[in-house]
């Protein structure tokens, strides 16, 4: 999350994690929401830059990217858990 800073990253991470939690109907705590939001933003920003050469900028753009990335992480974890249960 370039140019947003640490406090902005925490705020966006918490909001993005909360949004992903609601979209994916998952039950996480505040700390996990922040972690999912920040890690989701890093992962999806990396993918967007690798594929398209750019990413969404600004607070709103990064919130969208972080929420989508957090949803992707929740989906991946659920998929891996299902495979391990079989």
C-alpha atoms as a PDB file:
ATOM      1  CA  UNK A   1       0.000   0.000   0.000  1.00  0.00           C
ATOM      2  CA  UNK A   2       2.305   2.647  -1.279  1.00  0.00           C
ATOM      3  CA  UNK A   3       1.857   6.207  -0.052  1.00  0.00           C
ATOM      4  CA  UNK A   4      -0.772   5.472   2.575  1.00  0.00           C
ATOM      5  CA  UNK A   5       1.432   4.982   5.635  1.00  0.00           C
ATOM      6  CA  UNK A   6       1.198   2.644   8.595  1.00  0.00           C
ATOM      7  CA  UNK A   7      -1.889   4.118  10.218  1.00  0.00           C
ATOM      8  CA  UNK A   8      -3.708   4.306   6.899  1.00  0.00           C
ATOM      9  CA  UNK A   9      -2.746   0.707   6.158  1.00  0.00           C
ATOM     10  CA  UNK A  10      -4.169  -0.416   9.507  1.00  0.00           C
ATOM     11  CA  UNK A  11      -7.401   1.488   8.922  1.00  0.00           C
ATOM     12  CA  UNK A  12      -7.805   0.185   5.365  1.00  0.00           C
ATOM     13  CA  UNK A  13      -6.808  -3.322   6.481  1.00  0.00           C
ATOM     14  CA  UNK A  14      -9.398  -3.347   9.258  1.00  0.00           C
ATOM     15  CA  UNK A  15     -12.148  -2.029   6.989  1.00  0.00           C
ATOM     16  CA  UNK A  16     -11.231  -4.396   4.164  1.00  0.00           C
ATOM     17  CA  UNK A  17     -11.095  -7.377   6.514  1.00  0.00           C
ATOM     18  CA  UNK A  18     -14.477  -6.458   7.958  1.00  0.00           C
ATOM     19  CA  UNK A  19     -15.979  -6.087   4.468  1.00  0.00           C
ATOM     20  CA  UNK A  20     -14.511  -9.443   3.421  1.00  0.00           C
ATOM     21  CA  UNK A  21     -15.820 -11.012   6.623  1.00  0.00           C
ATOM     22  CA  UNK A  22     -19.348  -9.839   5.794  1.00  0.00           C
ATOM     23  CA  UNK A  23     -19.146 -10.832   2.113  1.00  0.00           C
ATOM     24  CA  UNK A  24     -17.737 -14.291   2.829  1.00  0.00           C
ATOM     25  CA  UNK A  25     -19.946 -14.820   5.930  1.00  0.00           C
ATOM     26  CA  UNK A  26     -16.914 -15.557   8.042  1.00  0.00           C
ATOM     27  CA  UNK A  27     -16.433 -14.920  11.755  1.00  0.00           C
ATOM     28  CA  UNK A  28     -13.072 -13.277  12.453  1.00  0.00           C
ATOM     29  CA  UNK A  29     -11.855 -10.948  15.156  1.00  0.00           C
ATOM     30  CA  UNK A  30     -10.534  -7.409  14.733  1.00  0.00           C
ATOM     31  CA  UNK A  31      -6.887  -8.499  14.655  1.00  0.00           C
ATOM     32  CA  UNK A  32      -7.571 -11.165  12.011  1.00  0.00           C
ATOM     33  CA  UNK A  33      -9.570  -8.638   9.965  1.00  0.00           C
ATOM     34  CA  UNK A  34      -6.576  -6.282   9.948  1.00  0.00           C
ATOM     35  CA  UNK A  35      -4.185  -9.095   9.009  1.00  0.00           C
ATOM     36  CA  UNK A  36      -6.469 -10.388   6.239  1.00  0.00           C
ATOM     37  CA  UNK A  37      -6.981  -6.880   4.872  1.00  0.00           C
ATOM     38  CA  UNK A  38      -3.280  -6.013   4.773  1.00  0.00           C
ATOM     39  CA  UNK A  39      -2.098  -9.388   3.465  1.00  0.00           C
ATOM     40  CA  UNK A  40      -4.966  -9.439   0.966  1.00  0.00           C
ATOM     41  CA  UNK A  41      -3.955  -6.002  -0.289  1.00  0.00           C
ATOM     42  CA  UNK A  42      -0.324  -7.044  -0.675  1.00  0.00           C
ATOM     43  CA  UNK A  43      -1.232 -10.248  -2.533  1.00  0.00           C
ATOM     44  CA  UNK A  44      -3.782  -8.690  -4.881  1.00  0.00           C
ATOM     45  CA  UNK A  45      -1.618  -5.602  -5.534  1.00  0.00           C
ATOM     46  CA  UNK A  46       1.225  -7.938  -6.499  1.00  0.00           C
ATOM     47  CA  UNK A  47      -1.072  -9.915  -8.827  1.00  0.00           C
ATOM     48  CA  UNK A  48      -2.474  -6.763 -10.432  1.00  0.00           C
ATOM     49  CA  UNK A  49       0.991  -5.346 -11.062  1.00  0.00           C
ATOM     50  CA  UNK A  50       2.210  -8.689 -12.431  1.00  0.00           C
ATOM     51  CA  UNK A  51      -0.736  -9.072 -14.817  1.00  0.00           C
ATOM     52  CA  UNK A  52      -1.731  -5.515 -15.731  1.00  0.00           C
ATOM     53  CA  UNK A  53       1.363  -3.520 -14.795  1.00  0.00           C
ATOM     54  CA  UNK A  54      -0.589  -1.251 -12.447  1.00  0.00           C
ATOM     55  CA  UNK A  55      -2.981  -1.272  -9.513  1.00  0.00           C
ATOM     56  CA  UNK A  56      -5.745   0.935  -8.166  1.00  0.00           C
ATOM     57  CA  UNK A  57      -4.491   4.038  -6.409  1.00  0.00           C
ATOM     58  CA  UNK A  58      -5.746   6.126  -3.511  1.00  0.00           C
ATOM     59  CA  UNK A  59      -7.627   5.186  -0.392  1.00  0.00           C
ATOM     60  CA  UNK A  60     -10.780   3.938  -2.114  1.00  0.00           C
ATOM     61  CA  UNK A  61      -8.838   1.962  -4.718  1.00  0.00           C
ATOM     62  CA  UNK A  62      -6.712   0.307  -2.072  1.00  0.00           C
ATOM     63  CA  UNK A  63      -9.789  -0.460   0.034  1.00  0.00           C
ATOM     64  CA  UNK A  64     -11.345  -2.258  -2.951  1.00  0.00           C
ATOM     65  CA  UNK A  65      -8.134  -4.155  -3.677  1.00  0.00           C
ATOM     66  CA  UNK A  66      -7.647  -5.071  -0.015  1.00  0.00           C
ATOM     67  CA  UNK A  67     -11.241  -6.291   0.410  1.00  0.00           C
ATOM     68  CA  UNK A  68     -11.057  -8.372  -2.769  1.00  0.00           C
ATOM     69  CA  UNK A  69      -7.680  -9.777  -1.687  1.00  0.00           C
ATOM     70  CA  UNK A  70      -9.019 -10.649   1.768  1.00  0.00           C
ATOM     71  CA  UNK A  71     -11.996 -12.436   0.150  1.00  0.00           C
ATOM     72  CA  UNK A  72      -9.535 -14.343  -2.022  1.00  0.00           C
ATOM     73  CA  UNK A  73      -7.537 -15.376   1.059  1.00  0.00           C
ATOM     74  CA  UNK A  74     -10.648 -16.522   2.942  1.00  0.00           C
ATOM     75  CA  UNK A  75     -11.742 -18.533  -0.114  1.00  0.00           C
ATOM     76  CA  UNK A  76      -8.291 -20.120  -0.448  1.00  0.00           C
ATOM     77  CA  UNK A  77      -8.143 -21.090   3.237  1.00  0.00           C
ATOM     78  CA  UNK A  78     -11.611 -22.648   3.040  1.00  0.00           C
ATOM     79  CA  UNK A  79     -10.606 -24.573  -0.076  1.00  0.00           C
ATOM     80  CA  UNK A  80      -7.434 -25.895   1.582  1.00  0.00           C
ATOM     81  CA  UNK A  81      -9.339 -26.902   4.720  1.00  0.00           C
ATOM     82  CA  UNK A  82     -11.851 -28.883   2.654  1.00  0.00           C
ATOM     83  CA  UNK A  83      -9.051 -30.712   0.847  1.00  0.00           C
ATOM     84  CA  UNK A  84      -7.377 -31.604   4.163  1.00  0.00           C
ATOM     85  CA  UNK A  85     -10.632 -32.963   5.578  1.00  0.00           C
ATOM     86  CA  UNK A  86     -11.055 -35.440   2.713  1.00  0.00           C
END
